[in-house]
C-alpha atoms as a PDB file:
ATOM      1  CA  MET A   1       0.000   0.000   0.000  1.00  0.00           C
ATOM      2  CA  GLU A   2       2.944   2.326   0.556  1.00  0.00           C
ATOM      3  CA  ALA A   3       3.883   2.041  -3.120  1.00  0.00           C
ATOM      4  CA  ILE A   4       0.332   3.032  -4.058  1.00  0.00           C
ATOM      5  CA  ARG A   5       0.311   6.033  -1.757  1.00  0.00           C
ATOM      6  CA  ALA A   6       3.647   7.242  -3.160  1.00  0.00           C
ATOM      7  CA  SER A   7       2.559   6.977  -6.799  1.00  0.00           C
ATOM      8  CA  GLN A   8       0.881   9.516  -9.045  1.00  0.00           C
ATOM      9  CA  GLU A   9       0.526   7.640 -12.344  1.00  0.00           C
ATOM     10  CA  ILE A  10      -0.460   3.973 -12.029  1.00  0.00           C
ATOM     11  CA  ILE A  11      -0.764   1.482 -14.871  1.00  0.00           C
ATOM     12  CA  ILE A  12      -2.337  -1.965 -14.653  1.00  0.00           C
ATOM     13  CA  THR A  13      -1.505  -4.575 -17.245  1.00  0.00           C
ATOM     14  CA  THR A  14      -1.811  -8.285 -17.859  1.00  0.00           C
ATOM     15  CA  HIS A  15      -0.893 -11.064 -20.266  1.00  0.00           C
ATOM     16  CA  ARG A  16      -1.584 -11.485 -23.961  1.00  0.00           C
ATOM     17  CA  SER A  17      -5.094 -12.711 -24.827  1.00  0.00           C
ATOM     18  CA  PRO A  18      -6.625 -11.578 -21.534  1.00  0.00           C
ATOM     19  CA  ASP A  19      -9.085 -14.033 -19.990  1.00  0.00           C
ATOM     20  CA  GLY A  20     -11.628 -13.580 -17.221  1.00  0.00           C
ATOM     21  CA  ASP A  21      -9.066 -13.736 -14.437  1.00  0.00           C
ATOM     22  CA  ALA A  22      -6.689 -11.319 -16.151  1.00  0.00           C
ATOM     23  CA  LEU A  23      -9.330  -8.731 -17.018  1.00  0.00           C
ATOM     24  CA  GLY A  24     -11.335  -9.254 -13.840  1.00  0.00           C
ATOM     25  CA  SER A  25      -8.350  -8.654 -11.562  1.00  0.00           C
ATOM     26  CA  SER A  26      -7.224  -5.676 -13.661  1.00  0.00           C
ATOM     27  CA  LEU A  27     -10.616  -3.955 -13.561  1.00  0.00           C
ATOM     28  CA  ALA A  28     -11.205  -4.708  -9.877  1.00  0.00           C
ATOM     29  CA  LEU A  29      -7.865  -3.118  -9.000  1.00  0.00           C
ATOM     30  CA  TYR A  30      -8.564  -0.262 -11.432  1.00  0.00           C
ATOM     31  CA  HIS A  31     -11.805   0.652  -9.658  1.00  0.00           C
ATOM     32  CA  PHE A  32     -10.167   0.331  -6.242  1.00  0.00           C
ATOM     33  CA  LEU A  33      -7.281   2.631  -7.148  1.00  0.00           C
ATOM     34  CA  ARG A  34      -9.561   5.172  -8.766  1.00  0.00           C
ATOM     35  CA  ARG A  35     -11.544   5.317  -5.528  1.00  0.00           C
ATOM     36  CA  GLN A  36      -8.283   6.153  -3.760  1.00  0.00           C
ATOM     37  CA  GLY A  37      -7.985   9.197  -6.005  1.00  0.00           C
ATOM     38  CA  LYS A  38      -5.150   7.727  -8.090  1.00  0.00           C
ATOM     39  CA  ARG A  39      -4.751   8.373 -11.813  1.00  0.00           C
ATOM     40  CA  THR A  40      -5.007   4.846 -13.148  1.00  0.00           C
ATOM     41  CA  ARG A  41      -5.201   3.222 -16.576  1.00  0.00           C
ATOM     42  CA  VAL A  42      -5.469  -0.368 -17.746  1.00  0.00           C
ATOM     43  CA  ILE A  43      -3.558  -1.430 -20.853  1.00  0.00           C
ATOM     44  CA  VAL A  44      -3.626  -4.950 -22.292  1.00  0.00           C
ATOM     45  CA  PRO A  45      -1.428  -6.390 -25.058  1.00  0.00           C
ATOM     46  CA  ASN A  46      -4.227  -7.299 -27.489  1.00  0.00           C
ATOM     47  CA  PRO A  47      -8.041  -7.428 -27.623  1.00  0.00           C
ATOM     48  CA  PHE A  48     -10.095  -9.458 -25.163  1.00  0.00           C
ATOM     49  CA  PRO A  49     -13.266 -11.492 -25.843  1.00  0.00           C
ATOM     50  CA  HIS A  50     -16.632  -9.770 -26.212  1.00  0.00           C
ATOM     51  CA  PHE A  51     -18.183 -11.884 -23.436  1.00  0.00           C
ATOM     52  CA  LEU A  52     -15.999 -10.049 -20.910  1.00  0.00           C
ATOM     53  CA  ARG A  53     -17.147  -6.584 -21.985  1.00  0.00           C
ATOM     54  CA  TRP A  54     -20.043  -6.497 -19.512  1.00  0.00           C
ATOM     55  CA  MET A  55     -17.651  -5.706 -16.662  1.00  0.00           C
ATOM     56  CA  GLU A  56     -17.756  -2.092 -15.583  1.00  0.00           C
ATOM     57  CA  GLY A  57     -14.768  -0.178 -16.952  1.00  0.00           C
ATOM     58  CA  SER A  58     -14.020  -2.598 -19.797  1.00  0.00           C
ATOM     59  CA  ASN A  59     -14.733   0.156 -22.347  1.00  0.00           C
ATOM     60  CA  GLU A  60     -11.898   2.215 -20.824  1.00  0.00           C
ATOM     61  CA  VAL A  61      -9.225  -0.468 -21.286  1.00  0.00           C
ATOM     62  CA  GLU A  62      -6.415   0.505 -23.674  1.00  0.00           C
ATOM     63  CA  VAL A  63      -5.242  -2.078 -26.228  1.00  0.00           C
ATOM     64  CA  TYR A  64      -1.515  -1.818 -26.949  1.00  0.00           C
ATOM     65  CA  GLU A  65      -1.750  -3.619 -30.284  1.00  0.00           C
ATOM     66  CA  TYR A  66      -4.049  -0.909 -31.670  1.00  0.00           C
ATOM     67  CA  ASN A  67      -1.478   1.871 -31.167  1.00  0.00           C
ATOM     68  CA  PRO A  68       1.984   0.696 -30.011  1.00  0.00           C
ATOM     69  CA  PRO A  69       3.596   4.189 -29.909  1.00  0.00           C
ATOM     70  CA  ALA A  70       0.824   5.455 -27.635  1.00  0.00           C
ATOM     71  CA  GLY A  71       1.127   2.295 -25.535  1.00  0.00           C
ATOM     72  CA  GLN A  72       4.865   2.849 -25.123  1.00  0.00           C
ATOM     73  CA  ARG A  73       4.232   6.403 -23.929  1.00  0.00           C
ATOM     74  CA  ILE A  74       1.701   5.146 -21.390  1.00  0.00           C
ATOM     75  CA  LEU A  75       4.142   2.597 -19.988  1.00  0.00           C
ATOM     76  CA  THR A  76       7.027   5.066 -19.909  1.00  0.00           C
ATOM     77  CA  SER A  77       5.023   7.769 -18.120  1.00  0.00           C
ATOM     78  CA  ALA A  78       3.959   5.527 -15.235  1.00  0.00           C
ATOM     79  CA  ASP A  79       5.667   5.554 -11.847  1.00  0.00           C
ATOM     80  CA  LEU A  80       3.946   2.316 -10.711  1.00  0.00           C
ATOM     81  CA  ILE A  81       2.875  -0.655 -12.824  1.00  0.00           C
ATOM     82  CA  PHE A  82       0.823  -3.590 -11.568  1.00  0.00           C
ATOM     83  CA  CYS A  83       1.490  -6.784 -13.525  1.00  0.00           C
ATOM     84  CA  LEU A  84      -1.441  -9.115 -12.981  1.00  0.00           C
ATOM     85  CA  ASP A  85      -1.913 -12.789 -13.843  1.00  0.00           C
ATOM     86  CA  PHE A  86       1.430 -13.389 -15.566  1.00  0.00           C
ATOM     87  CA  ASN A  87       4.860 -14.241 -14.216  1.00  0.00           C
ATOM     88  CA  LEU A  88       7.217 -13.340 -17.083  1.00  0.00           C
ATOM     89  CA  PHE A  89       7.428 -10.199 -19.196  1.00  0.00           C
ATOM     90  CA  LYS A  90       7.379 -12.257 -22.390  1.00  0.00           C
ATOM     91  CA  ARG A  91       3.784 -13.284 -21.581  1.00  0.00           C
ATOM     92  CA  ALA A  92       2.802  -9.688 -22.376  1.00  0.00           C
ATOM     93  CA  GLU A  93       3.897  -9.627 -26.007  1.00  0.00           C
ATOM     94  CA  PRO A  94       3.860  -7.448 -28.062  1.00  0.00           C
ATOM     95  CA  MET A  95       4.456  -4.923 -25.286  1.00  0.00           C
ATOM     96  CA  ALA A  96       6.884  -7.062 -23.279  1.00  0.00           C
ATOM     97  CA  LEU A  97      10.004  -4.999 -24.015  1.00  0.00           C
ATOM     98  CA  PRO A  98       8.592  -1.505 -23.300  1.00  0.00           C
ATOM     99  CA  LEU A  99       6.954  -2.911 -20.182  1.00  0.00           C
ATOM    100  CA  GLU A 100      10.211  -4.377 -18.935  1.00  0.00           C
ATOM    101  CA  GLU A 101      12.160  -1.229 -19.805  1.00  0.00           C
ATOM    102  CA  SER A 102       9.710   1.179 -18.183  1.00  0.00           C
ATOM    103  CA  PRO A 103      11.371   3.084 -15.310  1.00  0.00           C
ATOM    104  CA  ALA A 104       8.265   2.565 -13.169  1.00  0.00           C
ATOM    105  CA  LYS A 105       8.295   0.425 -10.056  1.00  0.00           C
ATOM    106  CA  LYS A 106       6.664  -2.899 -10.945  1.00  0.00           C
ATOM    107  CA  VAL A 107       4.414  -4.981  -8.694  1.00  0.00           C
ATOM    108  CA  LEU A 108       3.669  -8.583  -9.650  1.00  0.00           C
ATOM    109  CA  ILE A 109       0.446 -10.160  -8.375  1.00  0.00           C
ATOM    110  CA  ASP A 110       0.131 -13.643  -9.809  1.00  0.00           C
ATOM    111  CA  HIS A 111      -0.683 -17.268  -9.066  1.00  0.00           C
ATOM    112  CA  HIS A 112       1.450 -19.045 -11.668  1.00  0.00           C
ATOM    113  CA  PRO A 113       4.527 -21.023 -10.582  1.00  0.00           C
ATOM    114  CA  PHE A 114       8.095 -19.764 -11.002  1.00  0.00           C
ATOM    115  CA  PRO A 115       7.804 -15.948 -11.131  1.00  0.00           C
ATOM    116  CA  GLY A 116      10.496 -14.270 -13.183  1.00  0.00           C
ATOM    117  CA  GLU A 117      12.874 -11.462 -12.347  1.00  0.00           C
ATOM    118  CA  GLY A 118      12.535  -7.731 -12.938  1.00  0.00           C
ATOM    119  CA  PHE A 119       9.717  -6.990 -10.498  1.00  0.00           C
ATOM    120  CA  ASP A 120      10.293  -4.694  -7.533  1.00  0.00           C
ATOM    121  CA  ILE A 121       7.537  -6.268  -5.439  1.00  0.00           C
ATOM    122  CA  THR A 122       6.399  -9.858  -5.997  1.00  0.00           C
ATOM    123  CA  ILE A 123       3.183 -11.281  -4.594  1.00  0.00           C
ATOM    124  CA  SER A 124       3.209 -14.827  -5.930  1.00  0.00           C
ATOM    125  CA  HIS A 125       1.110 -17.687  -4.556  1.00  0.00           C
ATOM    126  CA  PRO A 126       0.777 -20.651  -6.957  1.00  0.00           C
ATOM    127  CA  GLU A 127      -1.379 -22.473  -4.419  1.00  0.00           C
ATOM    128  CA  ILE A 128      -4.135 -19.879  -4.965  1.00  0.00           C
ATOM    129  CA  ALA A 129      -6.633 -20.799  -7.691  1.00  0.00           C
ATOM    130  CA  SER A 130      -6.811 -17.402  -9.415  1.00  0.00           C
ATOM    131  CA  THR A 131      -5.248 -13.971  -9.441  1.00  0.00           C
ATOM    132  CA  CYS A 132      -8.652 -12.512  -8.579  1.00  0.00           C
ATOM    133  CA  GLU A 133      -8.739 -14.598  -5.402  1.00  0.00           C
ATOM    134  CA  LEU A 134      -5.216 -13.447  -4.587  1.00  0.00           C
ATOM    135  CA  LEU A 135      -6.191  -9.814  -5.206  1.00  0.00           C
ATOM    136  CA  PHE A 136      -9.213 -10.170  -2.929  1.00  0.00           C
ATOM    137  CA  ARG A 137      -7.039 -11.578  -0.161  1.00  0.00           C
ATOM    138  CA  PHE A 138      -4.618  -8.674  -0.612  1.00  0.00           C
ATOM    139  CA  LEU A 139      -7.396  -6.072  -0.440  1.00  0.00           C
ATOM    140  CA  LYS A 140      -9.051  -7.705   2.547  1.00  0.00           C
ATOM    141  CA  GLN A 141      -5.778  -7.876   4.475  1.00  0.00           C
ATOM    142  CA  ALA A 142      -5.294  -4.192   3.672  1.00  0.00           C
ATOM    143  CA  GLY A 143      -8.639  -3.438   5.314  1.00  0.00           C
ATOM    144  CA  ALA A 144     -10.370  -2.559   2.053  1.00  0.00           C
ATOM    145  CA  TYR A 145     -13.235  -5.087   2.172  1.00  0.00           C
ATOM    146  CA  PRO A 146     -15.811  -2.896   3.967  1.00  0.00           C
ATOM    147  CA  ASN A 147     -15.696  -0.348   1.131  1.00  0.00           C
ATOM    148  CA  LEU A 148     -15.422  -2.888  -1.716  1.00  0.00           C
ATOM    149  CA  THR A 149     -18.007  -1.958  -4.358  1.00  0.00           C
ATOM    150  CA  LYS A 150     -20.410  -4.239  -6.202  1.00  0.00           C
ATOM    151  CA  ALA A 151     -18.552  -3.597  -9.481  1.00  0.00           C
ATOM    152  CA  GLU A 152     -15.248  -4.630  -7.907  1.00  0.00           C
ATOM    153  CA  ALA A 153     -16.854  -7.737  -6.410  1.00  0.00           C
ATOM    154  CA  GLU A 154     -18.329  -8.694  -9.797  1.00  0.00           C
ATOM    155  CA  CYS A 155     -14.930  -8.445 -11.476  1.00  0.00           C
ATOM    156  CA  ILE A 156     -13.292 -10.544  -8.760  1.00  0.00           C
ATOM    157  CA  TYR A 157     -15.987 -13.211  -8.898  1.00  0.00           C
ATOM    158  CA  CYS A 158     -15.719 -13.378 -12.707  1.00  0.00           C
ATOM    159  CA  GLY A 159     -12.004 -14.150 -12.503  1.00  0.00           C
ATOM    160  CA  MET A 160     -12.431 -16.729  -9.759  1.00  0.00           C
ATOM    161  CA  MET A 161     -15.219 -18.428 -11.702  1.00  0.00           C
ATOM    162  CA  THR A 162     -13.524 -18.522 -15.108  1.00  0.00           C
ATOM    163  CA  ASP A 163     -10.106 -19.637 -13.860  1.00  0.00           C
ATOM    164  CA  THR A 164     -11.649 -22.660 -12.155  1.00  0.00           C
ATOM    165  CA  GLY A 165     -13.977 -23.633 -15.003  1.00  0.00           C
ATOM    166  CA  GLY A 166     -17.027 -22.609 -13.032  1.00  0.00           C
ATOM    167  CA  PHE A 167     -15.451 -24.049  -9.856  1.00  0.00           C
ATOM    168  CA  THR A 168     -14.976 -27.489 -11.417  1.00  0.00           C
ATOM    169  CA  PHE A 169     -11.177 -27.677 -10.989  1.00  0.00           C
ATOM    170  CA  ASN A 170      -8.512 -26.168  -8.714  1.00  0.00           C
ATOM    171  CA  SER A 171     -11.351 -25.176  -6.407  1.00  0.00           C
ATOM    172  CA  SER A 172     -11.408 -27.562  -3.433  1.00  0.00           C
ATOM    173  CA  ASP A 173     -10.094 -25.028  -0.919  1.00  0.00           C
ATOM    174  CA  PRO A 174     -12.963 -24.174   1.473  1.00  0.00           C
ATOM    175  CA  GLU A 175     -11.708 -20.589   1.703  1.00  0.00           C
ATOM    176  CA  ILE A 176     -12.720 -20.050  -1.937  1.00  0.00           C
ATOM    177  CA  TYR A 177     -16.345 -20.418  -0.919  1.00  0.00           C
ATOM    178  CA  GLU A 178     -15.892 -18.204   2.100  1.00  0.00           C
ATOM    179  CA  ILE A 179     -14.662 -15.512  -0.297  1.00  0.00           C
ATOM    180  CA  ILE A 180     -17.651 -16.122  -2.566  1.00  0.00           C
ATOM    181  CA  SER A 181     -19.904 -15.587   0.449  1.00  0.00           C
ATOM    182  CA  LEU A 182     -18.224 -12.255   1.138  1.00  0.00           C
ATOM    183  CA  LEU A 183     -18.620 -11.232  -2.515  1.00  0.00           C
ATOM    184  CA  LEU A 184     -22.307 -12.167  -2.463  1.00  0.00           C
ATOM    185  CA  ARG A 185     -22.729  -9.836   0.491  1.00  0.00           C
ATOM    186  CA  LYS A 186     -21.725  -7.018  -1.861  1.00  0.00           C
ATOM    187  CA  GLY A 187     -24.838  -7.674  -3.928  1.00  0.00           C
ATOM    188  CA  ILE A 188     -23.415  -9.573  -6.887  1.00  0.00           C
ATOM    189  CA  ASP A 189     -25.657 -11.916  -8.874  1.00  0.00           C
ATOM    190  CA  LYS A 190     -23.495 -14.972  -9.497  1.00  0.00           C
ATOM    191  CA  ASP A 191     -26.038 -16.526 -11.874  1.00  0.00           C
ATOM    192  CA  GLU A 192     -26.104 -13.400 -14.007  1.00  0.00           C
ATOM    193  CA  ILE A 193     -22.298 -13.305 -14.098  1.00  0.00           C
ATOM    194  CA  TYR A 194     -22.233 -16.943 -15.229  1.00  0.00           C
ATOM    195  CA  ALA A 195     -24.756 -16.155 -17.969  1.00  0.00           C
ATOM    196  CA  ASN A 196     -22.808 -13.086 -19.087  1.00  0.00           C
ATOM    197  CA  VAL A 197     -19.730 -15.240 -19.647  1.00  0.00           C
ATOM    198  CA  PHE A 198     -20.961 -18.689 -20.623  1.00  0.00           C
ATOM    199  CA  HIS A 199     -24.329 -17.893 -22.255  1.00  0.00           C
ATOM    200  CA  ASN A 200     -23.041 -15.105 -24.444  1.00  0.00           C
ATOM    201  CA  TYR A 201     -21.374 -16.885 -27.356  1.00  0.00           C
ATOM    202  CA  SER A 202     -22.029 -16.387 -31.047  1.00  0.00           C
ATOM    203  CA  GLU A 203     -23.750 -18.810 -33.379  1.00  0.00           C
ATOM    204  CA  SER A 204     -20.500 -19.123 -35.331  1.00  0.00           C
ATOM    205  CA  ARG A 205     -18.757 -20.458 -32.210  1.00  0.00           C
ATOM    206  CA  PHE A 206     -21.094 -23.424 -32.104  1.00  0.00           C
ATOM    207  CA  ARG A 207     -20.732 -24.135 -35.796  1.00  0.00           C
ATOM    208  CA  LEU A 208     -16.956 -23.994 -35.384  1.00  0.00           C
ATOM    209  CA  LEU A 209     -17.194 -26.255 -32.340  1.00  0.00           C
ATOM    210  CA  GLY A 210     -19.335 -28.764 -34.231  1.00  0.00           C
ATOM    211  CA  PHE A 211     -16.875 -28.835 -37.118  1.00  0.00           C
ATOM    212  CA  MET A 212     -13.929 -29.321 -34.784  1.00  0.00           C
ATOM    213  CA  LEU A 213     -15.529 -32.128 -32.776  1.00  0.00           C
ATOM    214  CA  SER A 214     -16.548 -34.013 -35.918  1.00  0.00           C
ATOM    215  CA  GLN A 215     -13.529 -33.333 -38.126  1.00  0.00           C
ATOM    216  CA  ARG A 216     -10.615 -32.188 -35.975  1.00  0.00           C
ATOM    217  CA  MET A 217     -10.609 -34.410 -32.893  1.00  0.00           C
ATOM    218  CA  GLU A 218      -8.254 -37.314 -32.283  1.00  0.00           C
ATOM    219  CA  ILE A 219      -8.721 -39.744 -29.410  1.00  0.00           C
ATOM    220  CA  TYR A 220      -5.892 -41.876 -28.030  1.00  0.00           C
ATOM    221  CA  PRO A 221      -7.709 -44.276 -25.676  1.00  0.00           C
ATOM    222  CA  GLU A 222      -4.593 -46.215 -24.707  1.00  0.00           C
ATOM    223  CA  LEU A 223      -2.988 -42.929 -23.629  1.00  0.00           C
ATOM    224  CA  HIS A 224      -6.157 -41.524 -22.040  1.00  0.00           C
ATOM    225  CA  SER A 225      -5.622 -38.425 -24.171  1.00  0.00           C
ATOM    226  CA  ALA A 226      -7.451 -36.322 -26.745  1.00  0.00           C
ATOM    227  CA  LEU A 227      -6.366 -33.717 -29.270  1.00  0.00           C
ATOM    228  CA  LEU A 228      -8.400 -30.909 -30.816  1.00  0.00           C
ATOM    229  CA  TYR A 229      -6.858 -28.732 -33.508  1.00  0.00           C
ATOM    230  CA  LEU A 230      -7.785 -25.907 -35.866  1.00  0.00           C
ATOM    231  CA  SER A 231      -5.637 -24.472 -38.643  1.00  0.00           C
ATOM    232  CA  ARG A 232      -6.049 -20.960 -39.997  1.00  0.00           C
ATOM    233  CA  GLU A 233      -7.817 -22.447 -43.005  1.00  0.00           C
ATOM    234  CA  ASP A 234     -10.265 -24.240 -40.711  1.00  0.00           C
ATOM    235  CA  GLN A 235     -11.082 -21.054 -38.850  1.00  0.00           C
ATOM    236  CA  ALA A 236     -11.458 -19.057 -42.082  1.00  0.00           C
ATOM    237  CA  GLN A 237     -14.512 -21.139 -42.962  1.00  0.00           C
ATOM    238  CA  PHE A 238     -16.387 -19.510 -40.084  1.00  0.00           C
ATOM    239  CA  VAL A 239     -17.082 -15.998 -38.820  1.00  0.00           C
ATOM    240  CA  PHE A 240     -14.396 -16.270 -36.200  1.00  0.00           C
ATOM    241  CA  ASN A 241     -14.378 -13.822 -33.286  1.00  0.00           C
ATOM    242  CA  LYS A 242     -11.915 -13.263 -30.473  1.00  0.00           C
ATOM    243  CA  GLY A 243     -12.691 -15.699 -27.675  1.00  0.00           C
ATOM    244  CA  ASP A 244     -14.806 -18.088 -29.743  1.00  0.00           C
ATOM    245  CA  THR A 245     -12.495 -20.985 -28.863  1.00  0.00           C
ATOM    246  CA  GLU A 246     -12.548 -20.255 -25.130  1.00  0.00           C
ATOM    247  CA  GLY A 247     -13.103 -23.489 -23.233  1.00  0.00           C
ATOM    248  CA  PHE A 248     -12.679 -25.798 -26.229  1.00  0.00           C
ATOM    249  CA  ALA A 249      -9.882 -27.712 -24.496  1.00  0.00           C
ATOM    250  CA  ASN A 250     -12.278 -28.804 -21.757  1.00  0.00           C
ATOM    251  CA  PHE A 251     -14.715 -30.770 -23.923  1.00  0.00           C
ATOM    252  CA  PRO A 252     -12.756 -34.038 -24.341  1.00  0.00           C
ATOM    253  CA  LEU A 253     -12.427 -34.408 -20.576  1.00  0.00           C
ATOM    254  CA  SER A 254     -16.109 -35.380 -20.599  1.00  0.00           C
ATOM    255  CA  ILE A 255     -15.177 -38.563 -22.491  1.00  0.00           C
ATOM    256  CA  LYS A 256     -14.835 -41.623 -20.292  1.00  0.00           C
ATOM    257  CA  GLY A 257     -11.194 -42.563 -19.756  1.00  0.00           C
ATOM    258  CA  ILE A 258      -9.720 -39.245 -20.995  1.00  0.00           C
ATOM    259  CA  ILE A 259      -7.591 -37.371 -18.454  1.00  0.00           C
ATOM    260  CA  PHE A 260      -5.439 -35.209 -20.761  1.00  0.00           C
ATOM    261  CA  SER A 261      -6.841 -32.868 -23.412  1.00  0.00           C
ATOM    262  CA  THR A 262      -4.948 -30.568 -25.772  1.00  0.00           C
ATOM    263  CA  PHE A 263      -6.310 -27.865 -28.075  1.00  0.00           C
ATOM    264  CA  ILE A 264      -3.953 -26.536 -30.766  1.00  0.00           C
ATOM    265  CA  ARG A 265      -4.916 -23.440 -32.763  1.00  0.00           C
ATOM    266  CA  GLU A 266      -2.943 -21.690 -35.481  1.00  0.00           C
ATOM    267  CA  GLU A 267      -2.699 -17.897 -35.300  1.00  0.00           C
ATOM    268  CA  ASP A 268      -0.797 -15.325 -37.334  1.00  0.00           C
ATOM    269  CA  GLY A 269       2.885 -15.998 -36.686  1.00  0.00           C
ATOM    270  CA  LEU A 270       2.483 -18.594 -33.958  1.00  0.00           C
ATOM    271  CA  VAL A 271       0.552 -21.600 -32.709  1.00  0.00           C
ATOM    272  CA  LYS A 272      -1.372 -21.386 -29.424  1.00  0.00           C
ATOM    273  CA  LEU A 273      -1.936 -24.426 -27.221  1.00  0.00           C
ATOM    274  CA  SER A 274      -4.260 -25.057 -24.298  1.00  0.00           C
ATOM    275  CA  PHE A 275      -3.894 -28.060 -22.004  1.00  0.00           C
ATOM    276  CA  ARG A 276      -6.405 -29.463 -19.548  1.00  0.00           C
ATOM    277  CA  SER A 277      -6.114 -32.555 -17.397  1.00  0.00           C
ATOM    278  CA  ARG A 278      -7.832 -34.460 -14.643  1.00  0.00           C
ATOM    279  CA  GLN A 279      -6.559 -36.419 -11.702  1.00  0.00           C
ATOM    280  CA  SER A 280      -2.804 -36.096 -11.101  1.00  0.00           C
ATOM    281  CA  PHE A 281      -1.490 -35.652 -14.647  1.00  0.00           C
ATOM    282  CA  PRO A 282       0.667 -32.467 -14.766  1.00  0.00           C
ATOM    283  CA  SER A 283      -0.468 -30.573 -17.855  1.00  0.00           C
ATOM    284  CA  ASN A 284       1.798 -27.688 -16.830  1.00  0.00           C
ATOM    285  CA  GLU A 285       4.897 -29.908 -17.030  1.00  0.00           C
ATOM    286  CA  PHE A 286       3.943 -31.018 -20.528  1.00  0.00           C
ATOM    287  CA  ALA A 287       3.359 -27.392 -21.574  1.00  0.00           C
ATOM    288  CA  ALA A 288       6.673 -26.222 -20.153  1.00  0.00           C
ATOM    289  CA  GLU A 289       8.775 -29.038 -21.606  1.00  0.00           C
ATOM    290  CA  PHE A 290       7.527 -28.867 -25.177  1.00  0.00           C
ATOM    291  CA  PHE A 291       5.789 -25.535 -25.754  1.00  0.00           C
ATOM    292  CA  ASN A 292       7.522 -22.853 -23.704  1.00  0.00           C
ATOM    293  CA  GLY A 293       4.461 -22.711 -21.487  1.00  0.00           C
ATOM    294  CA  GLY A 294       3.263 -23.306 -17.995  1.00  0.00           C
ATOM    295  CA  GLY A 295       0.338 -22.939 -15.665  1.00  0.00           C
ATOM    296  CA  HIS A 296      -1.232 -25.236 -13.131  1.00  0.00           C
ATOM    297  CA  LEU A 297      -1.468 -28.967 -12.666  1.00  0.00           C
ATOM    298  CA  ASN A 298      -4.781 -29.305 -14.491  1.00  0.00           C
ATOM    299  CA  ALA A 299      -4.814 -26.164 -16.645  1.00  0.00           C
ATOM    300  CA  ALA A 300      -1.919 -24.781 -18.668  1.00  0.00           C
ATOM    301  CA  GLY A 301      -1.019 -23.054 -21.915  1.00  0.00           C
ATOM    302  CA  GLY A 302       1.851 -22.752 -24.347  1.00  0.00           C
ATOM    303  CA  GLU A 303       3.074 -21.263 -27.612  1.00  0.00           C
ATOM    304  CA  PHE A 304       4.996 -22.572 -30.592  1.00  0.00           C
ATOM    305  CA  TYR A 305       6.827 -20.414 -33.131  1.00  0.00           C
ATOM    306  CA  GLY A 306       6.916 -22.701 -36.130  1.00  0.00           C
ATOM    307  CA  SER A 307       4.507 -24.259 -38.576  1.00  0.00           C
ATOM    308  CA  PHE A 308       1.196 -25.753 -37.564  1.00  0.00           C
ATOM    309  CA  GLU A 309       2.334 -29.160 -38.812  1.00  0.00           C
ATOM    310  CA  GLU A 310       5.500 -28.954 -36.707  1.00  0.00           C
ATOM    311  CA  ALA A 311       3.421 -28.171 -33.633  1.00  0.00           C
ATOM    312  CA  LEU A 312       1.255 -31.237 -34.239  1.00  0.00           C
ATOM    313  CA  GLU A 313       4.358 -33.373 -34.697  1.00  0.00           C
ATOM    314  CA  LEU A 314       5.939 -32.060 -31.497  1.00  0.00           C
ATOM    315  CA  TYR A 315       2.734 -32.776 -29.611  1.00  0.00           C
ATOM    316  CA  ALA A 316       2.781 -36.373 -30.865  1.00  0.00           C
ATOM    317  CA  GLN A 317       6.392 -36.755 -29.738  1.00  0.00           C
ATOM    318  CA  GLY A 318       5.567 -35.321 -26.341  1.00  0.00           C
ATOM    319  CA  LEU A 319       2.581 -37.581 -25.902  1.00  0.00           C
ATOM    320  CA  LYS A 320       4.737 -40.616 -26.605  1.00  0.00           C
ATOM    321  CA  GLN A 321       7.402 -39.380 -24.194  1.00  0.00           C
ATOM    322  CA  TYR A 322       4.801 -38.845 -21.445  1.00  0.00           C
ATOM    323  CA  GLU A 323       3.078 -42.194 -22.007  1.00  0.00           C
ATOM    324  CA  GLU A 324       4.154 -43.695 -18.701  1.00  0.00           C
ATOM    325  CA  LYS A 325       3.255 -40.576 -16.706  1.00  0.00           C
ATOM    326  CA  ILE A 326      -0.217 -40.497 -18.233  1.00  0.00           C
ATOM    327  CA  LYS A 327      -0.835 -44.171 -17.563  1.00  0.00           C
ATOM    328  CA  LYS A 328       0.444 -43.808 -14.017  1.00  0.00           C
ATOM    329  CA  ALA A 329      -1.845 -40.809 -13.399  1.00  0.00           C
ATOM    330  CA  PHE A 330      -4.940 -42.547 -14.750  1.00  0.00           C
ATOM    331  CA  ASN A 331      -7.317 -43.729 -12.072  1.00  0.00           C
ATOM    332  CA  PRO A 332     -10.362 -45.601 -13.397  1.00  0.00           C
ATOM    333  CA  PHE A 333     -12.164 -45.189 -10.056  1.00  0.00           C
END
């Protein structure tokens, strides 16, 4: 709190392709700091999905990718920068370098393992399910809960909900539900928040999903694994919007016997990967070893700078290499 009191120009930022936890924590902190009378702005590397735009303040978020020179000026002018929901500067591409080089004091608040260097203050707790939960704990310990607004509570709940798949994984800590109780006391409607996020997709998303499940899904029953994949050509057949593939990696985990699911999607200049697992299989280890990624035991992500075909081949090699770990982790109940 001392760093906040000493600062005049505060910037909040997060990782590339902001999700509910990234944007929720950023906006919750944004509203809190504005109430303290601090000049505060939120800047994100690239656009975020439309189903997160219901959160108050989302229309005020700056997108670095739209105007990099202006984004560099924003980062340079700050005297305090909060880095939320990422542990390495490279996760904030394309603004990683100006962010790292900014003379501002940098505060990391994150729940991913192995935080990197370059932060002046590090609040890192990988055992916490979401950055929004971590932010709530920070604010409550600072005595800020009594004045927490409904808008701030909604943003925090959104991040907690989305980063646990609607509280279906990484959410067995009883304190999570104590926090939810405290957020409900601020007047949030958890059912409405769920609908805003999960009942707000486009028709094209479902057509894309149907195509992928019927034409672009591979099942490896002996390895208890599944692969979903979409090339740029696949996506071009549909009216594809930012965020339309959110949650795709989760679907194969509904198949009996599958404990490891991978979704591979080709973007401009890189290939994005999402990993989900059940039981004790470490999806984050797989992501880190083969795809420069990381995350949590049952939810992780990665990137590959090569061709789409090379990414698929590397995945196949990794799956073979992890065969024993997958079989060992599988519990048929």
